[in-house]
């Protein structure tokens, strides 16, 4: 088991089963006979754009990597990748209540030994695929207005940090100069009082 991949997959699983991502569209027939107008309801996250914003970049990369593994060879691992993708969904997308490993094995129809071997294989494959998927996401974002705005904000933050560092150095130099001036004035008074 690779601990970093375990943590990453757990975070991905929490985001996948996040209740805020559930989509519900009210049926016009569901309220037939009520005094309320039909079709009222739904959820804020009906748009793919809103869903993409609600999911972190790391989780998007995990989903891309798992989907890539599930593709047929030579692009992916074929049926082996689909087995690993299903394992990821059964193991990490559990919601609030944890499902025992024995119950997961029963759901997958495999033994405990096979389960552990597949978890190790999932972690190893994801460790190889995840950085590639993350790089693809970042390169896809490069041409967008949002990326340009993020770069602009980063530059502005860097400029402000440099200006603050310059101001702090100037304040420190002024404080040292003031301390030297006070010390020199005190020595002049000593010399004047002694003389």
C-alpha atoms as a PDB file:
ATOM      1  CA  UNK A   1       0.000   0.000   0.000  1.00  0.00           C
ATOM      2  CA  UNK A   2       1.304   3.429  -0.935  1.00  0.00           C
ATOM      3  CA  UNK A   3       0.242   5.850   1.809  1.00  0.00           C
ATOM      4  CA  UNK A   4       0.210   8.966  -0.402  1.00  0.00           C
ATOM      5  CA  UNK A   5      -2.083   7.251  -2.921  1.00  0.00           C
ATOM      6  CA  UNK A   6      -4.322   6.008  -0.091  1.00  0.00           C
ATOM      7  CA  UNK A   7      -4.754   9.566   1.208  1.00  0.00           C
ATOM      8  CA  UNK A   8      -5.351  10.898  -2.314  1.00  0.00           C
ATOM      9  CA  UNK A   9      -7.954   8.229  -3.072  1.00  0.00           C
ATOM     10  CA  UNK A  10      -9.715   8.803   0.244  1.00  0.00           C
ATOM     11  CA  UNK A  11      -9.996  12.525  -0.523  1.00  0.00           C
ATOM     12  CA  UNK A  12     -11.248  11.688  -4.024  1.00  0.00           C
ATOM     13  CA  UNK A  13     -13.846   9.293  -2.602  1.00  0.00           C
ATOM     14  CA  UNK A  14     -15.127  11.918  -0.156  1.00  0.00           C
ATOM     15  CA  UNK A  15     -15.584  14.401  -2.992  1.00  0.00           C
ATOM     16  CA  UNK A  16     -17.283  11.843  -5.242  1.00  0.00           C
ATOM     17  CA  UNK A  17     -19.927  11.005  -2.632  1.00  0.00           C
ATOM     18  CA  UNK A  18     -20.272  14.591  -1.400  1.00  0.00           C
ATOM     19  CA  UNK A  19     -24.004  15.258  -0.992  1.00  0.00           C
ATOM     20  CA  UNK A  20     -23.559  18.751  -2.452  1.00  0.00           C
ATOM     21  CA  UNK A  21     -22.729  17.105  -5.790  1.00  0.00           C
ATOM     22  CA  UNK A  22     -26.022  15.171  -5.947  1.00  0.00           C
ATOM     23  CA  UNK A  23     -28.292  16.326  -8.692  1.00  0.00           C
ATOM     24  CA  UNK A  24     -32.055  16.173  -8.367  1.00  0.00           C
ATOM     25  CA  UNK A  25     -34.504  17.354 -10.970  1.00  0.00           C
ATOM     26  CA  UNK A  26     -38.067  17.571  -9.792  1.00  0.00           C
ATOM     27  CA  UNK A  27     -40.649  15.756 -11.877  1.00  0.00           C
ATOM     28  CA  UNK A  28     -43.608  17.794 -13.144  1.00  0.00           C
ATOM     29  CA  UNK A  29     -45.825  14.803 -12.334  1.00  0.00           C
ATOM     30  CA  UNK A  30     -44.480  14.473  -8.802  1.00  0.00           C
ATOM     31  CA  UNK A  31     -46.558  17.361  -7.488  1.00  0.00           C
ATOM     32  CA  UNK A  32     -49.632  16.800  -9.570  1.00  0.00           C
ATOM     33  CA  UNK A  33     -52.649  17.675  -7.497  1.00  0.00           C
ATOM     34  CA  UNK A  34     -50.662  19.843  -5.072  1.00  0.00           C
ATOM     35  CA  UNK A  35     -51.151  23.564  -5.004  1.00  0.00           C
ATOM     36  CA  UNK A  36     -47.500  24.170  -5.892  1.00  0.00           C
ATOM     37  CA  UNK A  37     -46.405  24.583  -9.494  1.00  0.00           C
ATOM     38  CA  UNK A  38     -44.946  21.447 -11.086  1.00  0.00           C
ATOM     39  CA  UNK A  39     -41.259  21.122 -11.777  1.00  0.00           C
ATOM     40  CA  UNK A  40     -40.124  23.360  -8.921  1.00  0.00           C
ATOM     41  CA  UNK A  41     -36.953  22.143  -7.232  1.00  0.00           C
ATOM     42  CA  UNK A  42     -33.712  20.698  -8.358  1.00  0.00           C
ATOM     43  CA  UNK A  43     -30.203  21.373  -7.206  1.00  0.00           C
ATOM     44  CA  UNK A  44     -27.632  24.077  -7.660  1.00  0.00           C
ATOM     45  CA  UNK A  45     -25.097  21.737  -9.251  1.00  0.00           C
ATOM     46  CA  UNK A  46     -26.874  20.828 -12.470  1.00  0.00           C
ATOM     47  CA  UNK A  47     -24.221  22.408 -14.649  1.00  0.00           C
ATOM     48  CA  UNK A  48     -21.030  20.602 -15.615  1.00  0.00           C
ATOM     49  CA  UNK A  49     -19.153  23.855 -15.043  1.00  0.00           C
ATOM     50  CA  UNK A  50     -20.425  24.090 -11.466  1.00  0.00           C
ATOM     51  CA  UNK A  51     -19.555  20.437 -10.859  1.00  0.00           C
ATOM     52  CA  UNK A  52     -16.055  20.970 -12.245  1.00  0.00           C
ATOM     53  CA  UNK A  53     -15.523  23.954  -9.960  1.00  0.00           C
ATOM     54  CA  UNK A  54     -16.820  22.076  -6.906  1.00  0.00           C
ATOM     55  CA  UNK A  55     -14.337  19.209  -7.381  1.00  0.00           C
ATOM     56  CA  UNK A  56     -10.680  19.835  -6.587  1.00  0.00           C
ATOM     57  CA  UNK A  57      -8.038  19.587  -9.284  1.00  0.00           C
ATOM     58  CA  UNK A  58      -6.455  16.593  -7.511  1.00  0.00           C
ATOM     59  CA  UNK A  59      -9.759  14.707  -7.517  1.00  0.00           C
ATOM     60  CA  UNK A  60     -10.341  15.560 -11.165  1.00  0.00           C
ATOM     61  CA  UNK A  61      -6.893  14.132 -11.934  1.00  0.00           C
ATOM     62  CA  UNK A  62      -7.727  10.936  -9.995  1.00  0.00           C
ATOM     63  CA  UNK A  63     -10.950  10.543 -11.993  1.00  0.00           C
ATOM     64  CA  UNK A  64      -9.057  11.135 -15.250  1.00  0.00           C
ATOM     65  CA  UNK A  65      -6.374   8.618 -14.259  1.00  0.00           C
ATOM     66  CA  UNK A  66      -8.957   5.977 -13.314  1.00  0.00           C
ATOM     67  CA  UNK A  67     -10.860   6.571 -16.569  1.00  0.00           C
ATOM     68  CA  UNK A  68      -7.584   6.336 -18.484  1.00  0.00           C
ATOM     69  CA  UNK A  69      -6.739   3.028 -16.819  1.00  0.00           C
ATOM     70  CA  UNK A  70     -10.180   1.677 -17.750  1.00  0.00           C
ATOM     71  CA  UNK A  71      -9.654   2.313 -21.470  1.00  0.00           C
ATOM     72  CA  UNK A  72      -8.822  -0.604 -23.729  1.00  0.00           C
ATOM     73  CA  UNK A  73      -5.169  -1.352 -24.467  1.00  0.00           C
ATOM     74  CA  UNK A  74      -2.928   0.285 -25.772  1.00  0.00           C
ATOM     75  CA  UNK A  75      -4.376   3.489 -24.278  1.00  0.00           C
ATOM     76  CA  UNK A  76      -5.229   1.915 -20.931  1.00  0.00           C
ATOM     77  CA  UNK A  77      -5.142  -1.350 -19.046  1.00  0.00           C
ATOM     78  CA  UNK A  78      -8.322  -2.736 -20.556  1.00  0.00           C
ATOM     79  CA  UNK A  79     -10.337  -5.094 -18.378  1.00  0.00           C
ATOM     80  CA  UNK A  80      -7.677  -4.966 -15.660  1.00  0.00           C
ATOM     81  CA  UNK A  81      -8.097  -1.187 -15.491  1.00  0.00           C
ATOM     82  CA  UNK A  82     -11.868  -1.524 -15.259  1.00  0.00           C
ATOM     83  CA  UNK A  83     -11.428  -3.965 -12.344  1.00  0.00           C
ATOM     84  CA  UNK A  84      -9.171  -1.438 -10.585  1.00  0.00           C
ATOM     85  CA  UNK A  85     -11.622   1.391 -11.292  1.00  0.00           C
ATOM     86  CA  UNK A  86     -14.467  -0.636  -9.764  1.00  0.00           C
ATOM     87  CA  UNK A  87     -12.277  -1.457  -6.766  1.00  0.00           C
ATOM     88  CA  UNK A  88     -11.586   2.260  -6.283  1.00  0.00           C
ATOM     89  CA  UNK A  89     -15.297   3.049  -6.309  1.00  0.00           C
ATOM     90  CA  UNK A  90     -16.156   0.225  -3.892  1.00  0.00           C
ATOM     91  CA  UNK A  91     -13.269   0.953  -1.509  1.00  0.00           C
ATOM     92  CA  UNK A  92     -13.220   4.761  -1.426  1.00  0.00           C
ATOM     93  CA  UNK A  93     -16.733   5.949  -2.369  1.00  0.00           C
ATOM     94  CA  UNK A  94     -18.508   4.765   0.762  1.00  0.00           C
ATOM     95  CA  UNK A  95     -20.112   7.879   2.137  1.00  0.00           C
ATOM     96  CA  UNK A  96     -20.266   8.616   5.839  1.00  0.00           C
ATOM     97  CA  UNK A  97     -20.301   5.034   7.069  1.00  0.00           C
ATOM     98  CA  UNK A  98     -17.276   2.852   6.440  1.00  0.00           C
ATOM     99  CA  UNK A  99     -17.924  -0.529   4.863  1.00  0.00           C
ATOM    100  CA  UNK A 100     -15.902  -3.420   6.268  1.00  0.00           C
ATOM    101  CA  UNK A 101     -13.233  -4.915   4.031  1.00  0.00           C
ATOM    102  CA  UNK A 102     -14.983  -8.296   4.169  1.00  0.00           C
ATOM    103  CA  UNK A 103     -18.175  -6.702   2.859  1.00  0.00           C
ATOM    104  CA  UNK A 104     -16.188  -4.972   0.090  1.00  0.00           C
ATOM    105  CA  UNK A 105     -14.630  -8.333  -0.852  1.00  0.00           C
ATOM    106  CA  UNK A 106     -18.076  -9.935  -0.969  1.00  0.00           C
ATOM    107  CA  UNK A 107     -19.388  -7.105  -3.152  1.00  0.00           C
ATOM    108  CA  UNK A 108     -16.436  -7.470  -5.526  1.00  0.00           C
ATOM    109  CA  UNK A 109     -16.586 -11.275  -5.438  1.00  0.00           C
ATOM    110  CA  UNK A 110     -12.915 -11.705  -4.541  1.00  0.00           C
ATOM    111  CA  UNK A 111     -10.894 -13.086  -1.637  1.00  0.00           C
ATOM    112  CA  UNK A 112      -9.186 -10.949   0.987  1.00  0.00           C
ATOM    113  CA  UNK A 113      -5.772 -11.827  -0.468  1.00  0.00           C
ATOM    114  CA  UNK A 114      -6.834 -10.817  -3.980  1.00  0.00           C
ATOM    115  CA  UNK A 115      -8.369  -7.629  -2.569  1.00  0.00           C
ATOM    116  CA  UNK A 116      -5.073  -6.601  -0.949  1.00  0.00           C
ATOM    117  CA  UNK A 117      -3.127  -7.399  -4.122  1.00  0.00           C
ATOM    118  CA  UNK A 118      -5.546  -5.320  -6.196  1.00  0.00           C
ATOM    119  CA  UNK A 119      -5.336  -2.390  -3.762  1.00  0.00           C
ATOM    120  CA  UNK A 120      -1.542  -2.490  -4.090  1.00  0.00           C
ATOM    121  CA  UNK A 121      -1.837  -2.642  -7.880  1.00  0.00           C
ATOM    122  CA  UNK A 122      -4.350   0.238  -7.880  1.00  0.00           C
ATOM    123  CA  UNK A 123      -1.968   2.393  -5.839  1.00  0.00           C
ATOM    124  CA  UNK A 124       0.996   1.572  -8.089  1.00  0.00           C
ATOM    125  CA  UNK A 125      -0.926   2.277 -11.297  1.00  0.00           C
ATOM    126  CA  UNK A 126      -2.413   5.487  -9.901  1.00  0.00           C
ATOM    127  CA  UNK A 127       1.013   6.665  -8.760  1.00  0.00           C
ATOM    128  CA  UNK A 128       2.174   6.336 -12.371  1.00  0.00           C
ATOM    129  CA  UNK A 129      -0.965   7.788 -14.013  1.00  0.00           C
ATOM    130  CA  UNK A 130      -1.968  10.599 -11.643  1.00  0.00           C
ATOM    131  CA  UNK A 131       0.888  13.035 -12.416  1.00  0.00           C
ATOM    132  CA  UNK A 132       0.229  12.606 -16.150  1.00  0.00           C
ATOM    133  CA  UNK A 133      -3.483  13.344 -15.673  1.00  0.00           C
ATOM    134  CA  UNK A 134      -2.679  16.360 -13.498  1.00  0.00           C
ATOM    135  CA  UNK A 135      -0.296  17.703 -16.150  1.00  0.00           C
ATOM    136  CA  UNK A 136      -3.020  17.255 -18.808  1.00  0.00           C
ATOM    137  CA  UNK A 137      -5.469  19.218 -16.657  1.00  0.00           C
ATOM    138  CA  UNK A 138      -2.973  22.019 -16.146  1.00  0.00           C
ATOM    139  CA  UNK A 139      -2.109  22.214 -19.848  1.00  0.00           C
ATOM    140  CA  UNK A 140      -5.820  22.301 -20.725  1.00  0.00           C
ATOM    141  CA  UNK A 141      -6.304  25.211 -18.329  1.00  0.00           C
ATOM    142  CA  UNK A 142      -3.392  27.255 -19.696  1.00  0.00           C
ATOM    143  CA  UNK A 143      -5.310  28.889 -22.543  1.00  0.00           C
ATOM    144  CA  UNK A 144      -8.321  29.924 -20.466  1.00  0.00           C
ATOM    145  CA  UNK A 145      -9.201  33.319 -19.041  1.00  0.00           C
ATOM    146  CA  UNK A 146      -9.305  31.778 -15.564  1.00  0.00           C
ATOM    147  CA  UNK A 147      -5.678  30.669 -15.892  1.00  0.00           C
ATOM    148  CA  UNK A 148      -4.647  34.125 -17.116  1.00  0.00           C
ATOM    149  CA  UNK A 149      -6.426  35.666 -14.118  1.00  0.00           C
ATOM    150  CA  UNK A 150      -4.709  33.215 -11.747  1.00  0.00           C
ATOM    151  CA  UNK A 151      -1.301  34.073 -13.240  1.00  0.00           C
ATOM    152  CA  UNK A 152      -2.103  37.787 -12.897  1.00  0.00           C
ATOM    153  CA  UNK A 153      -3.112  37.304  -9.243  1.00  0.00           C
ATOM    154  CA  UNK A 154       0.075  35.350  -8.557  1.00  0.00           C
ATOM    155  CA  UNK A 155       2.204  38.095 -10.121  1.00  0.00           C
ATOM    156  CA  UNK A 156       0.372  40.773  -8.139  1.00  0.00           C
ATOM    157  CA  UNK A 157       0.857  38.795  -4.916  1.00  0.00           C
ATOM    158  CA  UNK A 158       4.555  38.328  -5.694  1.00  0.00           C
ATOM    159  CA  UNK A 159       4.946  42.072  -6.414  1.00  0.00           C
ATOM    160  CA  UNK A 160       3.193  42.972  -3.153  1.00  0.00           C
ATOM    161  CA  UNK A 161       5.409  40.524  -1.247  1.00  0.00           C
ATOM    162  CA  UNK A 162       8.544  42.057  -2.801  1.00  0.00           C
ATOM    163  CA  UNK A 163       7.335  45.572  -1.978  1.00  0.00           C
ATOM    164  CA  UNK A 164       6.576  44.540   1.604  1.00  0.00           C
ATOM    165  CA  UNK A 165      10.033  42.966   1.933  1.00  0.00           C
ATOM    166  CA  UNK A 166      11.625  46.192   0.577  1.00  0.00           C
ATOM    167  CA  UNK A 167       9.580  48.307   2.998  1.00  0.00           C
ATOM    168  CA  UNK A 168      10.575  46.027   5.896  1.00  0.00           C
ATOM    169  CA  UNK A 169      14.272  46.301   4.971  1.00  0.00           C
ATOM    170  CA  UNK A 170      13.925  50.106   4.762  1.00  0.00           C
ATOM    171  CA  UNK A 171      12.162  50.216   8.150  1.00  0.00           C
ATOM    172  CA  UNK A 172      14.917  48.089   9.668  1.00  0.00           C
ATOM    173  CA  UNK A 173      17.635  50.300   8.137  1.00  0.00           C
ATOM    174  CA  UNK A 174      15.829  53.450   9.407  1.00  0.00           C
ATOM    175  CA  UNK A 175      15.523  51.907  12.876  1.00  0.00           C
ATOM    176  CA  UNK A 176      19.252  51.053  12.911  1.00  0.00           C
ATOM    177  CA  UNK A 177      20.129  54.570  11.700  1.00  0.00           C
ATOM    178  CA  UNK A 178      17.928  56.088  14.420  1.00  0.00           C
ATOM    179  CA  UNK A 179      19.571  53.872  17.041  1.00  0.00           C
ATOM    180  CA  UNK A 180      23.035  54.928  15.827  1.00  0.00           C
ATOM    181  CA  UNK A 181      21.962  58.592  15.889  1.00  0.00           C
ATOM    182  CA  UNK A 182      20.670  58.254  19.476  1.00  0.00           C
ATOM    183  CA  UNK A 183      23.868  56.477  20.490  1.00  0.00           C
ATOM    184  CA  UNK A 184      26.015  59.149  18.814  1.00  0.00           C
ATOM    185  CA  UNK A 185      23.977  61.934  20.506  1.00  0.00           C
ATOM    186  CA  UNK A 186      24.391  60.217  23.876  1.00  0.00           C
ATOM    187  CA  UNK A 187      28.148  59.973  23.364  1.00  0.00           C
ATOM    188  CA  UNK A 188      28.298  63.646  22.362  1.00  0.00           C
ATOM    189  CA  UNK A 189      26.468  64.567  25.566  1.00  0.00           C
ATOM    190  CA  UNK A 190      28.899  62.437  27.548  1.00  0.00           C
ATOM    191  CA  UNK A 191      31.842  64.113  25.863  1.00  0.00           C
ATOM    192  CA  UNK A 192      30.237  67.553  26.376  1.00  0.00           C
ATOM    193  CA  UNK A 193      29.458  66.823  30.044  1.00  0.00           C
ATOM    194  CA  UNK A 194      32.948  65.469  30.685  1.00  0.00           C
ATOM    195  CA  UNK A 195      34.661  68.344  28.931  1.00  0.00           C
END
